[in-house]
Amino acid sequence: MMKKKFLSVTCLMSAALIFSSANSWASGNDHKITYQIIITNLTPGQPIAPPMVTTHHEGISFFKAGDAPTPELAALAEAGDGNPMAAKLSNTPGFRDAQVGTSGIGPGETGTIMIHAHSRKDHLSLGAMLGNTNDAFIALRDVALPQGRHTITYFANAYDAGSETNDESCSTVPGPACGGAGLSPEDEGEGFVHIHNGIHGIGGLDAALYDWRNPGAQVVIMRMQ
């Protein structure tokens, strides 16, 4: 088994975490609009891995419900690593910017990340693993950015990438509850992306501690300049 540990969810010192040194991909246009993305973890026991946030033309989606998971989606959902997905999107026509946070977001905590767009007509997508799972991830797909100085609030559901079986075994759950392997390339899972049905206590995870109901996160988008 290829072992890739979950990108660590650090101990947060306050209710607000700013990803000041996120990994960044950006296109070369100098005419940029800056947006602040505020992500609040709404689950009672699931850490959110460092989020991958991207801006792009309308109509671009980094996954589709019902489709087979890509290797990049598997890395994001199984290992909490959004960098392969950001790199893939950076080569997509209509790509604007992508930022991957350097720390996770604990239950009830908030993280903030900055990102650029080129036009008010650009859209935003976001994805991040729920760490104490096999392959659950929260996501926004191709949502509109706010017009003018207004803010927009979205709620991100948790999806199952379908790339790994939900055995809830600590050997295959990489988050802080277990510290297991982050990727299981020989496990084909369900084979398609779908809404996640939560934790059921069938393996090493206690459903009373780690189960949740959608939405998994609140996302507030604010134009800064």
C-alpha atoms as a PDB file:
ATOM      1  CA  MET A   1       0.000   0.000   0.000  1.00  0.00           C
ATOM      2  CA  MET A   2       1.240   3.451  -0.845  1.00  0.00           C
ATOM      3  CA  LYS A   3       1.322   5.365   2.418  1.00  0.00           C
ATOM      4  CA  LYS A   4       0.810   9.100   2.324  1.00  0.00           C
ATOM      5  CA  LYS A   5      -0.064  10.696   5.614  1.00  0.00           C
ATOM      6  CA  PHE A   6      -2.834  13.228   5.992  1.00  0.00           C
ATOM      7  CA  LEU A   7      -1.598  16.809   5.633  1.00  0.00           C
ATOM      8  CA  SER A   8      -1.618  17.767   9.287  1.00  0.00           C
ATOM      9  CA  VAL A   9      -4.462  19.567  10.968  1.00  0.00           C
ATOM     10  CA  THR A  10      -2.588  21.819  13.335  1.00  0.00           C
ATOM     11  CA  CYS A  11      -3.761  22.901  16.765  1.00  0.00           C
ATOM     12  CA  LEU A  12      -5.527  26.191  16.156  1.00  0.00           C
ATOM     13  CA  MET A  13      -4.664  28.971  18.577  1.00  0.00           C
ATOM     14  CA  SER A  14      -7.891  30.880  17.991  1.00  0.00           C
ATOM     15  CA  ALA A  15     -11.181  30.613  16.157  1.00  0.00           C
ATOM     16  CA  ALA A  16      -9.698  32.222  13.039  1.00  0.00           C
ATOM     17  CA  LEU A  17      -6.831  30.810  11.023  1.00  0.00           C
ATOM     18  CA  ILE A  18      -5.312  32.726   8.104  1.00  0.00           C
ATOM     19  CA  PHE A  19      -3.525  30.743   5.417  1.00  0.00           C
ATOM     20  CA  SER A  20      -0.871  33.392   4.847  1.00  0.00           C
ATOM     21  CA  SER A  21       1.547  31.104   3.027  1.00  0.00           C
ATOM     22  CA  ALA A  22      -0.712  28.912   0.923  1.00  0.00           C
ATOM     23  CA  ASN A  23       0.662  27.012  -2.052  1.00  0.00           C
ATOM     24  CA  SER A  24      -0.299  29.069  -5.088  1.00  0.00           C
ATOM     25  CA  TRP A  25      -0.944  28.637  -8.802  1.00  0.00           C
ATOM     26  CA  ALA A  26      -1.938  31.678 -10.841  1.00  0.00           C
ATOM     27  CA  SER A  27      -2.327  32.688 -14.479  1.00  0.00           C
ATOM     28  CA  GLY A  28      -0.350  35.675 -15.723  1.00  0.00           C
ATOM     29  CA  ASN A  29      -3.045  38.331 -16.108  1.00  0.00           C
ATOM     30  CA  ASP A  30      -2.144  41.460 -14.108  1.00  0.00           C
ATOM     31  CA  HIS A  31      -5.736  42.736 -13.866  1.00  0.00           C
ATOM     32  CA  LYS A  32      -6.808  40.876 -10.756  1.00  0.00           C
ATOM     33  CA  ILE A  33      -9.642  41.099  -8.258  1.00  0.00           C
ATOM     34  CA  THR A  34      -8.904  39.808  -4.754  1.00  0.00           C
ATOM     35  CA  TYR A  35     -11.414  37.785  -2.755  1.00  0.00           C
ATOM     36  CA  GLN A  36     -11.342  36.615   0.842  1.00  0.00           C
ATOM     37  CA  ILE A  37     -12.707  33.107   1.397  1.00  0.00           C
ATOM     38  CA  ILE A  38     -13.826  32.340   4.967  1.00  0.00           C
ATOM     39  CA  ILE A  39     -14.437  28.635   5.661  1.00  0.00           C
ATOM     40  CA  THR A  40     -16.164  27.482   8.857  1.00  0.00           C
ATOM     41  CA  ASN A  41     -16.162  23.805   9.814  1.00  0.00           C
ATOM     42  CA  LEU A  42     -19.737  22.828  10.742  1.00  0.00           C
ATOM     43  CA  THR A  43     -19.034  19.218  11.717  1.00  0.00           C
ATOM     44  CA  PRO A  44     -18.786  18.134  15.383  1.00  0.00           C
ATOM     45  CA  GLY A  45     -15.766  15.861  14.992  1.00  0.00           C
ATOM     46  CA  GLN A  46     -14.245  16.034  11.529  1.00  0.00           C
ATOM     47  CA  PRO A  47     -11.131  18.123  10.801  1.00  0.00           C
ATOM     48  CA  ILE A  48     -11.103  19.756   7.376  1.00  0.00           C
ATOM     49  CA  ALA A  49      -7.802  19.267   5.552  1.00  0.00           C
ATOM     50  CA  PRO A  50      -5.983  22.257   4.012  1.00  0.00           C
ATOM     51  CA  PRO A  51      -8.527  23.462   1.439  1.00  0.00           C
ATOM     52  CA  MET A  52      -7.989  23.737  -2.301  1.00  0.00           C
ATOM     53  CA  VAL A  53      -9.699  26.874  -3.672  1.00  0.00           C
ATOM     54  CA  THR A  54      -9.719  27.856  -7.345  1.00  0.00           C
ATOM     55  CA  THR A  55     -11.202  30.567  -9.576  1.00  0.00           C
ATOM     56  CA  HIS A  56     -12.041  29.984 -13.226  1.00  0.00           C
ATOM     57  CA  HIS A  57     -14.463  30.616 -16.067  1.00  0.00           C
ATOM     58  CA  GLU A  58     -18.061  29.529 -15.527  1.00  0.00           C
ATOM     59  CA  GLY A  59     -18.642  25.896 -16.437  1.00  0.00           C
ATOM     60  CA  ILE A  60     -15.445  24.351 -15.058  1.00  0.00           C
ATOM     61  CA  SER A  61     -15.838  21.655 -12.392  1.00  0.00           C
ATOM     62  CA  PHE A  62     -13.110  19.617 -10.698  1.00  0.00           C
ATOM     63  CA  PHE A  63     -15.490  16.660 -10.295  1.00  0.00           C
ATOM     64  CA  LYS A  64     -18.982  15.584 -11.294  1.00  0.00           C
ATOM     65  CA  ALA A  65     -21.386  13.573  -9.181  1.00  0.00           C
ATOM     66  CA  GLY A  66     -21.860  10.143 -10.711  1.00  0.00           C
ATOM     67  CA  ASP A  67     -18.525  10.186 -12.536  1.00  0.00           C
ATOM     68  CA  ALA A  68     -15.528   8.016 -11.722  1.00  0.00           C
ATOM     69  CA  PRO A  69     -13.001   9.732  -9.421  1.00  0.00           C
ATOM     70  CA  THR A  70      -9.792  11.035 -10.966  1.00  0.00           C
ATOM     71  CA  PRO A  71      -6.398  10.357  -9.340  1.00  0.00           C
ATOM     72  CA  GLU A  72      -6.281  14.037  -8.343  1.00  0.00           C
ATOM     73  CA  LEU A  73      -9.655  13.788  -6.617  1.00  0.00           C
ATOM     74  CA  ALA A  74      -8.516  10.617  -4.839  1.00  0.00           C
ATOM     75  CA  ALA A  75      -5.451  12.463  -3.506  1.00  0.00           C
ATOM     76  CA  LEU A  76      -7.645  15.306  -2.240  1.00  0.00           C
ATOM     77  CA  ALA A  77     -10.295  13.044  -0.674  1.00  0.00           C
ATOM     78  CA  GLU A  78      -8.121  10.188   0.659  1.00  0.00           C
ATOM     79  CA  ALA A  79      -4.930  12.004   1.700  1.00  0.00           C
ATOM     80  CA  GLY A  80      -6.057  15.603   2.186  1.00  0.00           C
ATOM     81  CA  ASP A  81      -3.681  16.768  -0.555  1.00  0.00           C
ATOM     82  CA  GLY A  82      -5.204  19.379  -2.875  1.00  0.00           C
ATOM     83  CA  ASN A  83      -1.956  20.176  -4.682  1.00  0.00           C
ATOM     84  CA  PRO A  84      -2.339  17.606  -7.500  1.00  0.00           C
ATOM     85  CA  MET A  85      -5.835  18.923  -8.242  1.00  0.00           C
ATOM     86  CA  ALA A  86      -4.631  22.545  -8.217  1.00  0.00           C
ATOM     87  CA  ALA A  87      -1.797  21.650 -10.588  1.00  0.00           C
ATOM     88  CA  LYS A  88      -4.211  19.881 -12.941  1.00  0.00           C
ATOM     89  CA  LEU A  89      -6.641  22.797 -12.940  1.00  0.00           C
ATOM     90  CA  SER A  90      -3.822  25.261 -13.651  1.00  0.00           C
ATOM     91  CA  ASN A  91      -3.536  23.677 -17.118  1.00  0.00           C
ATOM     92  CA  THR A  92      -7.263  23.987 -17.845  1.00  0.00           C
ATOM     93  CA  PRO A  93      -8.469  26.685 -20.296  1.00  0.00           C
ATOM     94  CA  GLY A  94     -10.284  29.378 -18.326  1.00  0.00           C
ATOM     95  CA  PHE A  95      -8.227  28.814 -15.175  1.00  0.00           C
ATOM     96  CA  ARG A  96      -7.551  31.945 -13.089  1.00  0.00           C
ATOM     97  CA  ASP A  97      -5.974  31.077  -9.733  1.00  0.00           C
ATOM     98  CA  ALA A  98      -5.669  28.267  -7.196  1.00  0.00           C
ATOM     99  CA  GLN A  99      -4.616  28.338  -3.567  1.00  0.00           C
ATOM    100  CA  VAL A 100      -4.045  25.374  -1.250  1.00  0.00           C
ATOM    101  CA  GLY A 101      -3.999  26.088   2.475  1.00  0.00           C
ATOM    102  CA  THR A 102      -1.118  24.983   4.669  1.00  0.00           C
ATOM    103  CA  SER A 103      -3.184  24.028   7.738  1.00  0.00           C
ATOM    104  CA  GLY A 104      -6.463  22.316   8.455  1.00  0.00           C
ATOM    105  CA  ILE A 105      -9.628  23.626  10.116  1.00  0.00           C
ATOM    106  CA  GLY A 106     -10.866  21.938  13.286  1.00  0.00           C
ATOM    107  CA  PRO A 107     -14.531  21.386  14.212  1.00  0.00           C
ATOM    108  CA  GLY A 108     -16.210  24.726  14.865  1.00  0.00           C
ATOM    109  CA  GLU A 109     -13.133  26.626  13.691  1.00  0.00           C
ATOM    110  CA  THR A 110     -12.718  29.075  10.816  1.00  0.00           C
ATOM    111  CA  GLY A 111      -9.972  29.476   8.221  1.00  0.00           C
ATOM    112  CA  THR A 112      -9.404  32.324   5.766  1.00  0.00           C
ATOM    113  CA  ILE A 113      -7.690  32.176   2.392  1.00  0.00           C
ATOM    114  CA  MET A 114      -7.156  34.848  -0.279  1.00  0.00           C
ATOM    115  CA  ILE A 115      -7.558  34.220  -3.991  1.00  0.00           C
ATOM    116  CA  HIS A 116      -7.611  36.236  -7.226  1.00  0.00           C
ATOM    117  CA  ALA A 117      -9.980  36.392 -10.171  1.00  0.00           C
ATOM    118  CA  HIS A 118      -9.813  38.385 -13.395  1.00  0.00           C
ATOM    119  CA  SER A 119     -13.483  39.297 -13.743  1.00  0.00           C
ATOM    120  CA  ARG A 120     -16.645  39.528 -11.665  1.00  0.00           C
ATOM    121  CA  LYS A 121     -18.026  36.890 -14.031  1.00  0.00           C
ATOM    122  CA  ASP A 122     -15.445  34.327 -12.905  1.00  0.00           C
ATOM    123  CA  HIS A 123     -16.583  31.468 -10.686  1.00  0.00           C
ATOM    124  CA  LEU A 124     -15.102  29.631  -7.699  1.00  0.00           C
ATOM    125  CA  SER A 125     -14.699  25.994  -6.673  1.00  0.00           C
ATOM    126  CA  LEU A 126     -13.439  24.524  -3.401  1.00  0.00           C
ATOM    127  CA  GLY A 127     -12.552  21.077  -2.101  1.00  0.00           C
ATOM    128  CA  ALA A 128     -11.088  19.659   1.125  1.00  0.00           C
ATOM    129  CA  MET A 129     -10.982  16.257   2.811  1.00  0.00           C
ATOM    130  CA  LEU A 130     -12.827  15.448   6.007  1.00  0.00           C
ATOM    131  CA  GLY A 131      -9.858  13.911   7.763  1.00  0.00           C
ATOM    132  CA  ASN A 132     -11.401  11.194   9.919  1.00  0.00           C
ATOM    133  CA  THR A 133     -12.899   9.363   6.933  1.00  0.00           C
ATOM    134  CA  ASN A 134     -11.757   7.148   4.098  1.00  0.00           C
ATOM    135  CA  ASP A 135     -12.518   9.530   1.226  1.00  0.00           C
ATOM    136  CA  ALA A 136     -15.053  12.184   2.224  1.00  0.00           C
ATOM    137  CA  PHE A 137     -14.567  15.756   1.047  1.00  0.00           C
ATOM    138  CA  ILE A 138     -16.487  19.010   1.265  1.00  0.00           C
ATOM    139  CA  ALA A 139     -16.992  20.841  -1.994  1.00  0.00           C
ATOM    140  CA  LEU A 140     -18.369  23.839  -3.812  1.00  0.00           C
ATOM    141  CA  ARG A 141     -18.542  23.510  -7.586  1.00  0.00           C
ATOM    142  CA  ASP A 142     -18.543  26.396 -10.045  1.00  0.00           C
ATOM    143  CA  VAL A 143     -20.329  28.961  -7.831  1.00  0.00           C
ATOM    144  CA  ALA A 144     -20.683  32.657  -8.637  1.00  0.00           C
ATOM    145  CA  LEU A 145     -18.459  35.285  -7.039  1.00  0.00           C
ATOM    146  CA  PRO A 146     -20.084  38.303  -5.342  1.00  0.00           C
ATOM    147  CA  GLN A 147     -20.803  41.388  -7.388  1.00  0.00           C
ATOM    148  CA  GLY A 148     -19.391  44.671  -6.123  1.00  0.00           C
ATOM    149  CA  ARG A 149     -18.616  44.831  -2.406  1.00  0.00           C
ATOM    150  CA  HIS A 150     -21.321  42.391  -1.407  1.00  0.00           C
ATOM    151  CA  THR A 151     -20.641  39.038   0.233  1.00  0.00           C
ATOM    152  CA  ILE A 152     -22.086  35.653  -0.686  1.00  0.00           C
ATOM    153  CA  THR A 153     -22.539  32.755   1.717  1.00  0.00           C
ATOM    154  CA  TYR A 154     -22.595  29.159   0.493  1.00  0.00           C
ATOM    155  CA  PHE A 155     -22.914  25.854   2.327  1.00  0.00           C
ATOM    156  CA  ALA A 156     -20.641  23.020   1.221  1.00  0.00           C
ATOM    157  CA  ASN A 157     -21.929  19.449   1.322  1.00  0.00           C
ATOM    158  CA  ALA A 158     -19.691  16.458   1.963  1.00  0.00           C
ATOM    159  CA  TYR A 159     -19.226  14.055  -0.945  1.00  0.00           C
ATOM    160  CA  ASP A 160     -17.779  10.560  -1.146  1.00  0.00           C
ATOM    161  CA  ALA A 161     -15.072  10.409  -3.817  1.00  0.00           C
ATOM    162  CA  GLY A 162     -15.897   6.759  -4.474  1.00  0.00           C
ATOM    163  CA  SER A 163     -12.191   5.979  -4.671  1.00  0.00           C
ATOM    164  CA  GLU A 164     -11.863   4.002  -1.410  1.00  0.00           C
ATOM    165  CA  THR A 165     -14.169   1.621   0.430  1.00  0.00           C
ATOM    166  CA  ASN A 166     -15.731   3.145   3.545  1.00  0.00           C
ATOM    167  CA  ASP A 167     -14.440   0.478   5.911  1.00  0.00           C
ATOM    168  CA  GLU A 168     -13.754   3.108   8.636  1.00  0.00           C
ATOM    169  CA  SER A 169     -10.643   1.136   9.541  1.00  0.00           C
ATOM    170  CA  CYS A 170      -7.919   3.072  11.325  1.00  0.00           C
ATOM    171  CA  SER A 171      -5.375   1.523   8.962  1.00  0.00           C
ATOM    172  CA  THR A 172      -6.919   3.487   6.072  1.00  0.00           C
ATOM    173  CA  VAL A 173      -8.152   6.664   7.818  1.00  0.00           C
ATOM    174  CA  PRO A 174      -5.349   9.264   7.859  1.00  0.00           C
ATOM    175  CA  GLY A 175      -6.852  11.940  10.120  1.00  0.00           C
ATOM    176  CA  PRO A 176      -5.887  12.566  13.756  1.00  0.00           C
ATOM    177  CA  ALA A 177      -8.384   9.988  15.051  1.00  0.00           C
ATOM    178  CA  CYS A 178      -6.325   7.192  13.466  1.00  0.00           C
ATOM    179  CA  GLY A 179      -3.203   8.298  11.572  1.00  0.00           C
ATOM    180  CA  GLY A 180      -3.527   5.528   8.976  1.00  0.00           C
ATOM    181  CA  ALA A 181      -2.575   5.396   5.315  1.00  0.00           C
ATOM    182  CA  GLY A 182      -3.708   8.293   3.149  1.00  0.00           C
ATOM    183  CA  LEU A 183      -3.970   6.523  -0.204  1.00  0.00           C
ATOM    184  CA  SER A 184      -5.205   3.038  -1.085  1.00  0.00           C
ATOM    185  CA  PRO A 185      -4.548   2.744  -4.832  1.00  0.00           C
ATOM    186  CA  GLU A 186      -5.458  -0.946  -4.975  1.00  0.00           C
ATOM    187  CA  ASP A 187      -8.916  -0.231  -3.467  1.00  0.00           C
ATOM    188  CA  GLU A 188     -11.372   0.798  -6.197  1.00  0.00           C
ATOM    189  CA  GLY A 189     -14.096   1.879  -3.760  1.00  0.00           C
ATOM    190  CA  GLU A 190     -17.597   2.459  -5.088  1.00  0.00           C
ATOM    191  CA  GLY A 191     -16.268   3.782  -8.377  1.00  0.00           C
ATOM    192  CA  PHE A 192     -18.301   6.991  -8.596  1.00  0.00           C
ATOM    193  CA  VAL A 193     -18.684  10.307  -6.744  1.00  0.00           C
ATOM    194  CA  HIS A 194     -21.791  10.625  -4.578  1.00  0.00           C
ATOM    195  CA  ILE A 195     -23.122  12.298  -1.433  1.00  0.00           C
ATOM    196  CA  HIS A 196     -21.411  10.846   1.634  1.00  0.00           C
ATOM    197  CA  ASN A 197     -23.606   8.957   4.091  1.00  0.00           C
ATOM    198  CA  GLY A 198     -21.525   9.637   7.193  1.00  0.00           C
ATOM    199  CA  ILE A 199     -19.776   7.485   9.781  1.00  0.00           C
ATOM    200  CA  HIS A 200     -21.558   4.326  10.994  1.00  0.00           C
ATOM    201  CA  GLY A 201     -19.117   2.870  13.527  1.00  0.00           C
ATOM    202  CA  ILE A 202     -18.361  -0.264  11.492  1.00  0.00           C
ATOM    203  CA  GLY A 203     -14.585   0.035  11.934  1.00  0.00           C
ATOM    204  CA  GLY A 204     -12.353   1.946  14.308  1.00  0.00           C
ATOM    205  CA  LEU A 205     -14.348   5.199  14.269  1.00  0.00           C
ATOM    206  CA  ASP A 206     -17.042   5.987  16.835  1.00  0.00           C
ATOM    207  CA  ALA A 207     -20.096   7.353  15.029  1.00  0.00           C
ATOM    208  CA  ALA A 208     -21.081   9.306  18.139  1.00  0.00           C
ATOM    209  CA  LEU A 209     -17.867  11.308  17.784  1.00  0.00           C
ATOM    210  CA  TYR A 210     -17.211  11.489  14.051  1.00  0.00           C
ATOM    211  CA  ASP A 211     -20.549  11.306  12.238  1.00  0.00           C
ATOM    212  CA  TRP A 212     -22.093  14.463  10.759  1.00  0.00           C
ATOM    213  CA  ARG A 213     -24.951  15.683   8.613  1.00  0.00           C
ATOM    214  CA  ASN A 214     -24.681  17.992   5.625  1.00  0.00           C
ATOM    215  CA  PRO A 215     -23.701  20.721   5.133  1.00  0.00           C
ATOM    216  CA  GLY A 216     -20.137  20.169   6.298  1.00  0.00           C
ATOM    217  CA  ALA A 217     -18.942  23.762   6.011  1.00  0.00           C
ATOM    218  CA  GLN A 218     -20.039  27.355   5.568  1.00  0.00           C
ATOM    219  CA  VAL A 219     -18.141  29.383   2.973  1.00  0.00           C
ATOM    220  CA  VAL A 220     -18.326  33.188   2.898  1.00  0.00           C
ATOM    221  CA  ILE A 221     -16.849  34.995  -0.128  1.00  0.00           C
ATOM    222  CA  MET A 222     -15.999  38.686   0.147  1.00  0.00           C
ATOM    223  CA  ARG A 223     -14.462  40.978  -2.467  1.00  0.00           C
ATOM    224  CA  MET A 224     -11.472  42.857  -1.051  1.00  0.00           C
ATOM    225  CA  GLN A 225     -10.351  44.977  -4.039  1.00  0.00           C
END
